[in-house]
Amino acid sequence: MVFLMRILGLDFGSKTVGAAVSDELFITAQGLEIIRRESENKLRRTLARIEELVKEYGAERIVLGYPKNMNNTEGERCEKTKDFKEMLERRTGLSVILWDERLTTVSADRYMKERGIRRENRKNYVDEIAAVFILQSYLDYLRMEKGTNADI
């Protein structure tokens, strides 16, 4: 039996983590869910859920959105994201790639607006859609770097 791997994409926020997964050919990203927590520092259940998703989808690596400022500087959220990256690597044993996520939330909001999702409902989806945008950007980069017929 041939088991094809996938890539998990995450949008890490102060109280939520949006999750997306690639298809087995690394062409498209699909939203999975939003993992919610009561406070910013309560990450045990969040990490456990991500570990479950890694196993369920056979993820071989994780792409984690990296929230640089628009002027390319790194703020407090970048430090928290790096800490989360280390926790993910320890917990899952996978390589975690930090991926520039600038404007993904803006793009996700625009996407929902174009699809007629009411403003008051957008917060229910924005993190998951942002995770899709982060992962899709990474997948597009891989295809561009490696060529469409090369192994990724």
C-alpha atoms as a PDB file:
ATOM      1  CA  MET A   1       0.000   0.000   0.000  1.00  0.00           C
ATOM      2  CA  VAL A   2       1.349   3.417  -0.980  1.00  0.00           C
ATOM      3  CA  PHE A   3       0.823   6.062   1.664  1.00  0.00           C
ATOM      4  CA  LEU A   4       1.067   9.601   0.349  1.00  0.00           C
ATOM      5  CA  MET A   5       2.036  12.359   2.729  1.00  0.00           C
ATOM      6  CA  ARG A   6       0.536  15.781   3.255  1.00  0.00           C
ATOM      7  CA  ILE A   7       1.577  19.127   4.686  1.00  0.00           C
ATOM      8  CA  LEU A   8      -0.262  20.793   7.552  1.00  0.00           C
ATOM      9  CA  GLY A   9      -0.619  24.589   7.529  1.00  0.00           C
ATOM     10  CA  LEU A  10      -1.253  26.608  10.700  1.00  0.00           C
ATOM     11  CA  ASP A  11      -2.226  30.202  11.462  1.00  0.00           C
ATOM     12  CA  PHE A  12      -1.211  30.727  15.112  1.00  0.00           C
ATOM     13  CA  GLY A  13      -3.106  33.431  16.966  1.00  0.00           C
ATOM     14  CA  SER A  14      -3.416  34.551  20.556  1.00  0.00           C
ATOM     15  CA  LYS A  15      -6.521  32.412  21.233  1.00  0.00           C
ATOM     16  CA  THR A  16      -6.953  30.350  18.065  1.00  0.00           C
ATOM     17  CA  VAL A  17      -5.022  28.252  15.573  1.00  0.00           C
ATOM     18  CA  GLY A  18      -6.416  27.920  12.077  1.00  0.00           C
ATOM     19  CA  ALA A  19      -5.552  24.599  10.450  1.00  0.00           C
ATOM     20  CA  ALA A  20      -5.361  23.566   6.797  1.00  0.00           C
ATOM     21  CA  VAL A  21      -3.994  20.514   4.996  1.00  0.00           C
ATOM     22  CA  SER A  22      -2.572  19.946   1.528  1.00  0.00           C
ATOM     23  CA  ASP A  23      -3.841  17.351  -0.875  1.00  0.00           C
ATOM     24  CA  GLU A  24      -1.555  14.346  -1.421  1.00  0.00           C
ATOM     25  CA  LEU A  25      -0.029  15.875  -4.563  1.00  0.00           C
ATOM     26  CA  PHE A  26       0.873  19.137  -2.774  1.00  0.00           C
ATOM     27  CA  ILE A  27      -1.233  21.182  -5.214  1.00  0.00           C
ATOM     28  CA  THR A  28      -4.062  22.600  -3.121  1.00  0.00           C
ATOM     29  CA  ALA A  29      -4.753  23.518   0.488  1.00  0.00           C
ATOM     30  CA  GLN A  30      -8.081  22.828   2.202  1.00  0.00           C
ATOM     31  CA  GLY A  31      -9.292  24.267   5.478  1.00  0.00           C
ATOM     32  CA  LEU A  32      -9.744  21.866   8.370  1.00  0.00           C
ATOM     33  CA  GLU A  33     -10.798  23.704  11.504  1.00  0.00           C
ATOM     34  CA  ILE A  34     -10.108  26.408  14.044  1.00  0.00           C
ATOM     35  CA  ILE A  35      -8.638  25.198  17.321  1.00  0.00           C
ATOM     36  CA  ARG A  36      -9.760  27.511  20.132  1.00  0.00           C
ATOM     37  CA  ARG A  37      -8.371  27.952  23.631  1.00  0.00           C
ATOM     38  CA  GLU A  38      -9.444  29.916  26.678  1.00  0.00           C
ATOM     39  CA  SER A  39      -6.241  31.884  27.145  1.00  0.00           C
ATOM     40  CA  GLU A  40      -3.089  32.592  25.197  1.00  0.00           C
ATOM     41  CA  ASN A  41      -0.813  30.455  27.373  1.00  0.00           C
ATOM     42  CA  LYS A  42      -3.004  27.348  27.543  1.00  0.00           C
ATOM     43  CA  LEU A  43      -1.466  25.341  24.711  1.00  0.00           C
ATOM     44  CA  ARG A  44      -1.556  21.732  25.930  1.00  0.00           C
ATOM     45  CA  ARG A  45      -4.896  20.856  24.280  1.00  0.00           C
ATOM     46  CA  THR A  46      -3.996  22.870  21.189  1.00  0.00           C
ATOM     47  CA  LEU A  47      -0.758  20.927  20.748  1.00  0.00           C
ATOM     48  CA  ALA A  48      -2.578  17.638  21.366  1.00  0.00           C
ATOM     49  CA  ARG A  49      -5.161  18.470  18.685  1.00  0.00           C
ATOM     50  CA  ILE A  50      -2.453  19.405  16.184  1.00  0.00           C
ATOM     51  CA  GLU A  51      -0.697  16.125  16.946  1.00  0.00           C
ATOM     52  CA  GLU A  52      -3.987  14.310  16.194  1.00  0.00           C
ATOM     53  CA  LEU A  53      -4.304  16.166  12.865  1.00  0.00           C
ATOM     54  CA  VAL A  54      -0.704  15.269  11.954  1.00  0.00           C
ATOM     55  CA  LYS A  55      -1.473  11.580  12.528  1.00  0.00           C
ATOM     56  CA  GLU A  56      -4.913  11.661  10.920  1.00  0.00           C
ATOM     57  CA  TYR A  57      -3.663  13.253   7.697  1.00  0.00           C
ATOM     58  CA  GLY A  58      -0.188  11.728   7.612  1.00  0.00           C
ATOM     59  CA  ALA A  59       1.513  15.114   7.617  1.00  0.00           C
ATOM     60  CA  GLU A  60       5.230  15.039   6.893  1.00  0.00           C
ATOM     61  CA  ARG A  61       5.856  18.668   7.847  1.00  0.00           C
ATOM     62  CA  ILE A  62       4.109  21.735   9.189  1.00  0.00           C
ATOM     63  CA  VAL A  63       4.032  25.225   7.716  1.00  0.00           C
ATOM     64  CA  LEU A  64       3.463  27.815  10.427  1.00  0.00           C
ATOM     65  CA  GLY A  65       2.471  31.373   9.553  1.00  0.00           C
ATOM     66  CA  TYR A  66       5.126  33.869  10.648  1.00  0.00           C
ATOM     67  CA  PRO A  67       3.615  37.269  11.489  1.00  0.00           C
ATOM     68  CA  LYS A  68       6.287  39.757  10.454  1.00  0.00           C
ATOM     69  CA  ASN A  69       5.416  43.431  10.473  1.00  0.00           C
ATOM     70  CA  MET A  70       4.768  45.101   7.131  1.00  0.00           C
ATOM     71  CA  ASN A  71       8.219  46.748   7.299  1.00  0.00           C
ATOM     72  CA  ASN A  72       9.791  43.253   7.627  1.00  0.00           C
ATOM     73  CA  THR A  73      10.623  43.640  11.324  1.00  0.00           C
ATOM     74  CA  GLU A  74       9.783  41.034  13.943  1.00  0.00           C
ATOM     75  CA  GLY A  75       7.617  41.904  16.923  1.00  0.00           C
ATOM     76  CA  GLU A  76       6.301  40.140  20.007  1.00  0.00           C
ATOM     77  CA  ARG A  77       4.031  37.819  17.967  1.00  0.00           C
ATOM     78  CA  CYS A  78       7.079  36.540  16.075  1.00  0.00           C
ATOM     79  CA  GLU A  79       8.739  35.551  19.354  1.00  0.00           C
ATOM     80  CA  LYS A  80       5.597  33.725  20.494  1.00  0.00           C
ATOM     81  CA  THR A  81       5.381  32.020  17.105  1.00  0.00           C
ATOM     82  CA  LYS A  82       9.007  30.838  17.362  1.00  0.00           C
ATOM     83  CA  ASP A  83       8.267  29.430  20.837  1.00  0.00           C
ATOM     84  CA  PHE A  84       5.189  27.655  19.435  1.00  0.00           C
ATOM     85  CA  LYS A  85       7.305  26.297  16.559  1.00  0.00           C
ATOM     86  CA  GLU A  86       9.716  24.730  19.064  1.00  0.00           C
ATOM     87  CA  MET A  87       6.820  23.198  21.011  1.00  0.00           C
ATOM     88  CA  LEU A  88       5.370  21.750  17.784  1.00  0.00           C
ATOM     89  CA  GLU A  89       8.698  20.256  16.745  1.00  0.00           C
ATOM     90  CA  ARG A  90       9.166  18.623  20.158  1.00  0.00           C
ATOM     91  CA  ARG A  91       5.588  17.341  20.287  1.00  0.00           C
ATOM     92  CA  THR A  92       5.288  16.032  16.696  1.00  0.00           C
ATOM     93  CA  GLY A  93       8.893  15.278  15.740  1.00  0.00           C
ATOM     94  CA  LEU A  94       8.246  17.064  12.436  1.00  0.00           C
ATOM     95  CA  SER A  95      10.056  19.900  10.760  1.00  0.00           C
ATOM     96  CA  VAL A  96       8.123  23.170  11.184  1.00  0.00           C
ATOM     97  CA  ILE A  97       8.699  25.808   8.516  1.00  0.00           C
ATOM     98  CA  LEU A  98       8.038  29.447   9.366  1.00  0.00           C
ATOM     99  CA  TRP A  99       6.245  31.079   6.429  1.00  0.00           C
ATOM    100  CA  ASP A 100       5.639  34.794   5.932  1.00  0.00           C
ATOM    101  CA  GLU A 101       1.948  35.373   6.584  1.00  0.00           C
ATOM    102  CA  ARG A 102       1.745  39.105   5.930  1.00  0.00           C
ATOM    103  CA  LEU A 103      -1.642  40.081   4.494  1.00  0.00           C
ATOM    104  CA  THR A 104      -3.151  36.584   4.789  1.00  0.00           C
ATOM    105  CA  THR A 105      -5.793  37.760   7.262  1.00  0.00           C
ATOM    106  CA  VAL A 106      -6.597  40.707   4.975  1.00  0.00           C
ATOM    107  CA  SER A 107      -6.823  38.321   2.014  1.00  0.00           C
ATOM    108  CA  ALA A 108      -9.012  35.914   3.990  1.00  0.00           C
ATOM    109  CA  ASP A 109     -11.344  38.751   4.989  1.00  0.00           C
ATOM    110  CA  ARG A 110     -11.578  39.932   1.370  1.00  0.00           C
ATOM    111  CA  TYR A 111     -12.251  36.357   0.230  1.00  0.00           C
ATOM    112  CA  MET A 112     -15.154  36.026   2.680  1.00  0.00           C
ATOM    113  CA  LYS A 113     -16.542  39.424   1.727  1.00  0.00           C
ATOM    114  CA  GLU A 114     -16.517  38.451  -1.951  1.00  0.00           C
ATOM    115  CA  ARG A 115     -18.443  35.286  -1.076  1.00  0.00           C
ATOM    116  CA  GLY A 116     -21.090  37.178   0.822  1.00  0.00           C
ATOM    117  CA  ILE A 117     -20.211  36.024   4.330  1.00  0.00           C
ATOM    118  CA  ARG A 118     -21.660  38.568   6.712  1.00  0.00           C
ATOM    119  CA  ARG A 119     -19.176  40.703   8.660  1.00  0.00           C
ATOM    120  CA  GLU A 120     -20.360  39.389  12.038  1.00  0.00           C
ATOM    121  CA  ASN A 121     -19.781  35.791  10.875  1.00  0.00           C
ATOM    122  CA  ARG A 122     -16.320  36.299   9.356  1.00  0.00           C
ATOM    123  CA  LYS A 123     -14.477  35.943  12.678  1.00  0.00           C
ATOM    124  CA  ASN A 124     -15.759  32.352  12.784  1.00  0.00           C
ATOM    125  CA  TYR A 125     -13.786  31.470   9.647  1.00  0.00           C
ATOM    126  CA  VAL A 126     -10.904  33.935   9.238  1.00  0.00           C
ATOM    127  CA  ASP A 127      -8.187  31.861  10.974  1.00  0.00           C
ATOM    128  CA  GLU A 128      -8.979  28.700   9.024  1.00  0.00           C
ATOM    129  CA  ILE A 129      -9.024  30.590   5.722  1.00  0.00           C
ATOM    130  CA  ALA A 130      -5.788  32.389   6.649  1.00  0.00           C
ATOM    131  CA  ALA A 131      -4.217  28.940   7.269  1.00  0.00           C
ATOM    132  CA  VAL A 132      -5.350  27.900   3.776  1.00  0.00           C
ATOM    133  CA  PHE A 133      -3.740  31.027   2.288  1.00  0.00           C
ATOM    134  CA  ILE A 134      -0.478  30.413   4.209  1.00  0.00           C
ATOM    135  CA  LEU A 135      -0.299  26.786   3.106  1.00  0.00           C
ATOM    136  CA  GLN A 136      -1.337  27.525  -0.483  1.00  0.00           C
ATOM    137  CA  SER A 137       1.397  30.166  -0.735  1.00  0.00           C
ATOM    138  CA  TYR A 138       3.939  27.617   0.454  1.00  0.00           C
ATOM    139  CA  LEU A 139       2.674  24.956  -1.985  1.00  0.00           C
ATOM    140  CA  ASP A 140       2.840  27.432  -4.878  1.00  0.00           C
ATOM    141  CA  TYR A 141       6.403  28.292  -3.859  1.00  0.00           C
ATOM    142  CA  LEU A 142       7.371  24.592  -3.834  1.00  0.00           C
ATOM    143  CA  ARG A 143       5.960  24.072  -7.319  1.00  0.00           C
ATOM    144  CA  MET A 144       7.710  27.173  -8.634  1.00  0.00           C
ATOM    145  CA  GLU A 145      11.041  26.175  -7.038  1.00  0.00           C
ATOM    146  CA  LYS A 146      10.961  22.492  -7.935  1.00  0.00           C
ATOM    147  CA  GLY A 147       9.000  22.564 -11.157  1.00  0.00           C
ATOM    148  CA  THR A 148       5.622  20.960 -11.678  1.00  0.00           C
ATOM    149  CA  ASN A 149       6.962  17.453 -12.325  1.00  0.00           C
ATOM    150  CA  ALA A 150       9.633  17.254  -9.640  1.00  0.00           C
ATOM    151  CA  ASP A 151       9.260  15.523  -6.294  1.00  0.00           C
ATOM    152  CA  ILE A 152       8.370  17.927  -3.527  1.00  0.00           C
END
